[in-house]
């Protein structure tokens, strides 16, 4: 159990790291972290930005898009030595790349709508060709019988 700090949309709270893996953390925290939201976990000088993938009571499962350096999380001396470079770099990157899940959902809905419309046009085109082929022979017979052919 490693003491840490967690920052979510509601602000900073105390946390305790229970488990660390290459791409995630298991954290115990009374802080409010919603499913799908991003949180920051700070331990010493280490910063891990991760998404909340599950939550049960005060246990929170986090997944990081970047590899988590397990040794640095465990060792406070190594974490303290990396404060200046790592913290500033990650903080700047997060400010430059705003992540808006609502925009991503809207983009996905738009692409889904376009795919459905294109599939509808393809089915309509196939129906037109099928009906034209089915009616071509009887209409040709009628033209010949009427003498306009």
C-alpha atoms as a PDB file:
ATOM      1  CA  UNK A   1       0.000   0.000   0.000  1.00  0.00           C
ATOM      2  CA  UNK A   2       1.580   3.223  -1.212  1.00  0.00           C
ATOM      3  CA  UNK A   3       0.220   6.643  -0.238  1.00  0.00           C
ATOM      4  CA  UNK A   4      -0.505   8.952  -3.161  1.00  0.00           C
ATOM      5  CA  UNK A   5      -2.673  11.871  -4.245  1.00  0.00           C
ATOM      6  CA  UNK A   6      -5.436  11.642  -6.849  1.00  0.00           C
ATOM      7  CA  UNK A   7      -6.824  14.515  -8.891  1.00  0.00           C
ATOM      8  CA  UNK A   8     -10.195  14.073 -10.555  1.00  0.00           C
ATOM      9  CA  UNK A   9     -12.777  16.517 -11.869  1.00  0.00           C
ATOM     10  CA  UNK A  10     -13.822  17.283  -8.299  1.00  0.00           C
ATOM     11  CA  UNK A  11     -10.270  18.126  -7.179  1.00  0.00           C
ATOM     12  CA  UNK A  12      -7.520  16.524  -5.131  1.00  0.00           C
ATOM     13  CA  UNK A  13      -8.017  13.681  -2.670  1.00  0.00           C
ATOM     14  CA  UNK A  14      -5.875  11.204  -0.768  1.00  0.00           C
ATOM     15  CA  UNK A  15      -5.355   7.819  -2.343  1.00  0.00           C
ATOM     16  CA  UNK A  16      -3.592   4.577  -1.633  1.00  0.00           C
ATOM     17  CA  UNK A  17      -2.059   2.536  -4.463  1.00  0.00           C
ATOM     18  CA  UNK A  18      -2.908  -1.114  -3.856  1.00  0.00           C
ATOM     19  CA  UNK A  19      -1.565  -2.666  -7.058  1.00  0.00           C
ATOM     20  CA  UNK A  20       0.582  -1.530  -9.998  1.00  0.00           C
ATOM     21  CA  UNK A  21       0.912  -3.126 -13.424  1.00  0.00           C
ATOM     22  CA  UNK A  22       2.462  -2.062 -16.741  1.00  0.00           C
ATOM     23  CA  UNK A  23      -0.698  -0.292 -17.915  1.00  0.00           C
ATOM     24  CA  UNK A  24      -2.733   0.349 -14.813  1.00  0.00           C
ATOM     25  CA  UNK A  25      -3.276   0.825 -11.127  1.00  0.00           C
ATOM     26  CA  UNK A  26      -5.645  -0.335  -8.430  1.00  0.00           C
ATOM     27  CA  UNK A  27      -6.311   2.603  -6.121  1.00  0.00           C
ATOM     28  CA  UNK A  28      -8.250   3.017  -2.901  1.00  0.00           C
ATOM     29  CA  UNK A  29      -9.645   6.545  -2.601  1.00  0.00           C
ATOM     30  CA  UNK A  30     -12.703   8.287  -1.203  1.00  0.00           C
ATOM     31  CA  UNK A  31     -12.436  10.808  -4.059  1.00  0.00           C
ATOM     32  CA  UNK A  32     -15.120  11.006  -6.702  1.00  0.00           C
ATOM     33  CA  UNK A  33     -13.840   9.618  -9.988  1.00  0.00           C
ATOM     34  CA  UNK A  34     -16.526   8.830 -12.565  1.00  0.00           C
ATOM     35  CA  UNK A  35     -16.281   5.874 -14.960  1.00  0.00           C
ATOM     36  CA  UNK A  36     -14.573   6.895 -18.184  1.00  0.00           C
ATOM     37  CA  UNK A  37     -13.052  10.053 -16.710  1.00  0.00           C
ATOM     38  CA  UNK A  38      -9.332  10.731 -16.562  1.00  0.00           C
ATOM     39  CA  UNK A  39      -7.529  11.133 -13.251  1.00  0.00           C
ATOM     40  CA  UNK A  40      -3.994  11.981 -12.231  1.00  0.00           C
ATOM     41  CA  UNK A  41      -2.190   9.907  -9.640  1.00  0.00           C
ATOM     42  CA  UNK A  42       0.846  11.514  -8.024  1.00  0.00           C
ATOM     43  CA  UNK A  43       3.302   9.591  -5.911  1.00  0.00           C
ATOM     44  CA  UNK A  44       6.457  11.464  -5.048  1.00  0.00           C
ATOM     45  CA  UNK A  45       7.532  12.993  -8.326  1.00  0.00           C
ATOM     46  CA  UNK A  46       5.740  10.451 -10.470  1.00  0.00           C
ATOM     47  CA  UNK A  47       2.631  11.356 -12.403  1.00  0.00           C
ATOM     48  CA  UNK A  48       0.338   8.765 -13.948  1.00  0.00           C
ATOM     49  CA  UNK A  49      -2.572   9.898 -16.087  1.00  0.00           C
ATOM     50  CA  UNK A  50      -5.156   7.137 -16.374  1.00  0.00           C
ATOM     51  CA  UNK A  51      -8.803   6.507 -17.188  1.00  0.00           C
ATOM     52  CA  UNK A  52     -11.232   5.051 -14.661  1.00  0.00           C
ATOM     53  CA  UNK A  53     -12.319   1.688 -16.106  1.00  0.00           C
ATOM     54  CA  UNK A  54     -14.183   0.364 -13.076  1.00  0.00           C
ATOM     55  CA  UNK A  55     -15.141   1.397  -9.591  1.00  0.00           C
ATOM     56  CA  UNK A  56     -16.505  -0.548  -6.663  1.00  0.00           C
ATOM     57  CA  UNK A  57     -17.061   1.473  -3.488  1.00  0.00           C
ATOM     58  CA  UNK A  58     -13.712   3.173  -2.864  1.00  0.00           C
ATOM     59  CA  UNK A  59     -11.623   0.835  -5.033  1.00  0.00           C
ATOM     60  CA  UNK A  60     -10.873   2.251  -8.449  1.00  0.00           C
ATOM     61  CA  UNK A  61      -9.393   0.419 -11.433  1.00  0.00           C
ATOM     62  CA  UNK A  62      -7.330   2.684 -13.680  1.00  0.00           C
ATOM     63  CA  UNK A  63      -5.925   2.114 -17.180  1.00  0.00           C
ATOM     64  CA  UNK A  64      -3.059   4.249 -18.463  1.00  0.00           C
ATOM     65  CA  UNK A  65      -2.480   4.810 -22.191  1.00  0.00           C
ATOM     66  CA  UNK A  66       1.245   5.133 -21.418  1.00  0.00           C
ATOM     67  CA  UNK A  67       3.365   2.464 -19.718  1.00  0.00           C
ATOM     68  CA  UNK A  68       3.497   2.807 -15.935  1.00  0.00           C
ATOM     69  CA  UNK A  69       7.035   2.644 -14.529  1.00  0.00           C
ATOM     70  CA  UNK A  70       6.437   0.262 -11.646  1.00  0.00           C
ATOM     71  CA  UNK A  71       9.912   0.649 -10.148  1.00  0.00           C
ATOM     72  CA  UNK A  72       9.600   4.435 -10.031  1.00  0.00           C
ATOM     73  CA  UNK A  73       6.173   4.274  -8.375  1.00  0.00           C
ATOM     74  CA  UNK A  74       7.486   1.943  -5.682  1.00  0.00           C
ATOM     75  CA  UNK A  75      10.729   3.838  -5.086  1.00  0.00           C
ATOM     76  CA  UNK A  76      10.136   7.321  -3.680  1.00  0.00           C
ATOM     77  CA  UNK A  77      13.808   8.274  -4.159  1.00  0.00           C
ATOM     78  CA  UNK A  78      13.671   7.658  -7.911  1.00  0.00           C
ATOM     79  CA  UNK A  79      10.314   9.403  -8.074  1.00  0.00           C
ATOM     80  CA  UNK A  80      11.643  12.478  -6.287  1.00  0.00           C
ATOM     81  CA  UNK A  81      14.594  12.703  -8.689  1.00  0.00           C
ATOM     82  CA  UNK A  82      12.246  12.816 -11.685  1.00  0.00           C
ATOM     83  CA  UNK A  83      10.023  15.612 -10.368  1.00  0.00           C
ATOM     84  CA  UNK A  84      11.348  18.431 -12.524  1.00  0.00           C
ATOM     85  CA  UNK A  85      11.402  16.689 -15.906  1.00  0.00           C
ATOM     86  CA  UNK A  86       8.428  14.331 -15.817  1.00  0.00           C
ATOM     87  CA  UNK A  87       5.856  16.455 -14.023  1.00  0.00           C
ATOM     88  CA  UNK A  88       6.394  19.563 -16.133  1.00  0.00           C
ATOM     89  CA  UNK A  89       6.398  17.613 -19.414  1.00  0.00           C
ATOM     90  CA  UNK A  90       3.176  15.698 -18.680  1.00  0.00           C
ATOM     91  CA  UNK A  91       1.400  18.776 -17.368  1.00  0.00           C
ATOM     92  CA  UNK A  92       2.274  20.715 -20.544  1.00  0.00           C
ATOM     93  CA  UNK A  93       1.129  17.853 -22.791  1.00  0.00           C
ATOM     94  CA  UNK A  94      -2.213  17.592 -20.993  1.00  0.00           C
ATOM     95  CA  UNK A  95      -2.822  21.318 -21.411  1.00  0.00           C
ATOM     96  CA  UNK A  96      -2.012  21.229 -25.135  1.00  0.00           C
ATOM     97  CA  UNK A  97      -4.231  18.243 -25.961  1.00  0.00           C
ATOM     98  CA  UNK A  98      -7.693  18.783 -24.540  1.00  0.00           C
ATOM     99  CA  UNK A  99      -9.705  15.585 -24.361  1.00  0.00           C
ATOM    100  CA  UNK A 100     -13.410  15.979 -24.759  1.00  0.00           C
ATOM    101  CA  UNK A 101     -15.358  12.714 -24.551  1.00  0.00           C
ATOM    102  CA  UNK A 102     -18.544  14.459 -25.712  1.00  0.00           C
ATOM    103  CA  UNK A 103     -16.839  15.456 -28.972  1.00  0.00           C
ATOM    104  CA  UNK A 104     -15.668  11.878 -29.494  1.00  0.00           C
ATOM    105  CA  UNK A 105     -19.185  10.525 -28.901  1.00  0.00           C
ATOM    106  CA  UNK A 106     -20.674  13.073 -31.313  1.00  0.00           C
ATOM    107  CA  UNK A 107     -18.092  12.147 -33.968  1.00  0.00           C
ATOM    108  CA  UNK A 108     -18.908   8.440 -33.507  1.00  0.00           C
ATOM    109  CA  UNK A 109     -22.644   9.114 -33.817  1.00  0.00           C
ATOM    110  CA  UNK A 110     -22.087  11.116 -37.005  1.00  0.00           C
ATOM    111  CA  UNK A 111     -19.973   8.364 -38.549  1.00  0.00           C
ATOM    112  CA  UNK A 112     -22.562   5.760 -37.597  1.00  0.00           C
ATOM    113  CA  UNK A 113     -25.317   7.854 -39.216  1.00  0.00           C
ATOM    114  CA  UNK A 114     -23.276   8.257 -42.427  1.00  0.00           C
ATOM    115  CA  UNK A 115     -22.660   4.485 -42.542  1.00  0.00           C
ATOM    116  CA  UNK A 116     -26.391   3.758 -42.117  1.00  0.00           C
ATOM    117  CA  UNK A 117     -27.306   6.267 -44.853  1.00  0.00           C
ATOM    118  CA  UNK A 118     -24.745   4.763 -47.255  1.00  0.00           C
ATOM    119  CA  UNK A 119     -26.019   1.257 -46.535  1.00  0.00           C
ATOM    120  CA  UNK A 120     -29.581   2.495 -47.201  1.00  0.00           C
ATOM    121  CA  UNK A 121     -28.560   3.941 -50.578  1.00  0.00           C
ATOM    122  CA  UNK A 122     -26.810   0.683 -51.494  1.00  0.00           C
ATOM    123  CA  UNK A 123     -29.911  -1.358 -50.612  1.00  0.00           C
ATOM    124  CA  UNK A 124     -32.159   1.050 -52.521  1.00  0.00           C
ATOM    125  CA  UNK A 125     -29.916   0.767 -55.589  1.00  0.00           C
ATOM    126  CA  UNK A 126     -29.960  -3.017 -55.402  1.00  0.00           C
ATOM    127  CA  UNK A 127     -33.775  -2.958 -55.124  1.00  0.00           C
ATOM    128  CA  UNK A 128     -34.081  -0.735 -58.227  1.00  0.00           C
ATOM    129  CA  UNK A 129     -31.870  -3.049 -60.281  1.00  0.00           C
ATOM    130  CA  UNK A 130     -33.777  -6.131 -59.097  1.00  0.00           C
ATOM    131  CA  UNK A 131     -37.206  -4.625 -59.905  1.00  0.00           C
ATOM    132  CA  UNK A 132     -35.981  -3.396 -63.311  1.00  0.00           C
ATOM    133  CA  UNK A 133     -34.685  -6.881 -64.197  1.00  0.00           C
ATOM    134  CA  UNK A 134     -37.932  -8.488 -63.001  1.00  0.00           C
ATOM    135  CA  UNK A 135     -40.165  -6.151 -65.051  1.00  0.00           C
ATOM    136  CA  UNK A 136     -38.019  -5.862 -68.217  1.00  0.00           C
ATOM    137  CA  UNK A 137     -39.282  -9.053 -69.914  1.00  0.00           C
ATOM    138  CA  UNK A 138     -43.037  -8.554 -69.222  1.00  0.00           C
ATOM    139  CA  UNK A 139     -42.894  -4.906 -70.353  1.00  0.00           C
ATOM    140  CA  UNK A 140     -41.070  -5.882 -73.535  1.00  0.00           C
ATOM    141  CA  UNK A 141     -43.820  -8.429 -74.268  1.00  0.00           C
ATOM    142  CA  UNK A 142     -46.508  -5.770 -73.736  1.00  0.00           C
ATOM    143  CA  UNK A 143     -44.695  -3.342 -76.116  1.00  0.00           C
ATOM    144  CA  UNK A 144     -44.524  -5.960 -78.826  1.00  0.00           C
ATOM    145  CA  UNK A 145     -48.207  -6.858 -78.360  1.00  0.00           C
ATOM    146  CA  UNK A 146     -49.239  -3.211 -78.606  1.00  0.00           C
ATOM    147  CA  UNK A 147     -47.146  -2.744 -81.698  1.00  0.00           C
ATOM    148  CA  UNK A 148     -45.085   0.144 -80.407  1.00  0.00           C
ATOM    149  CA  UNK A 149     -41.957  -1.879 -80.226  1.00  0.00           C
END
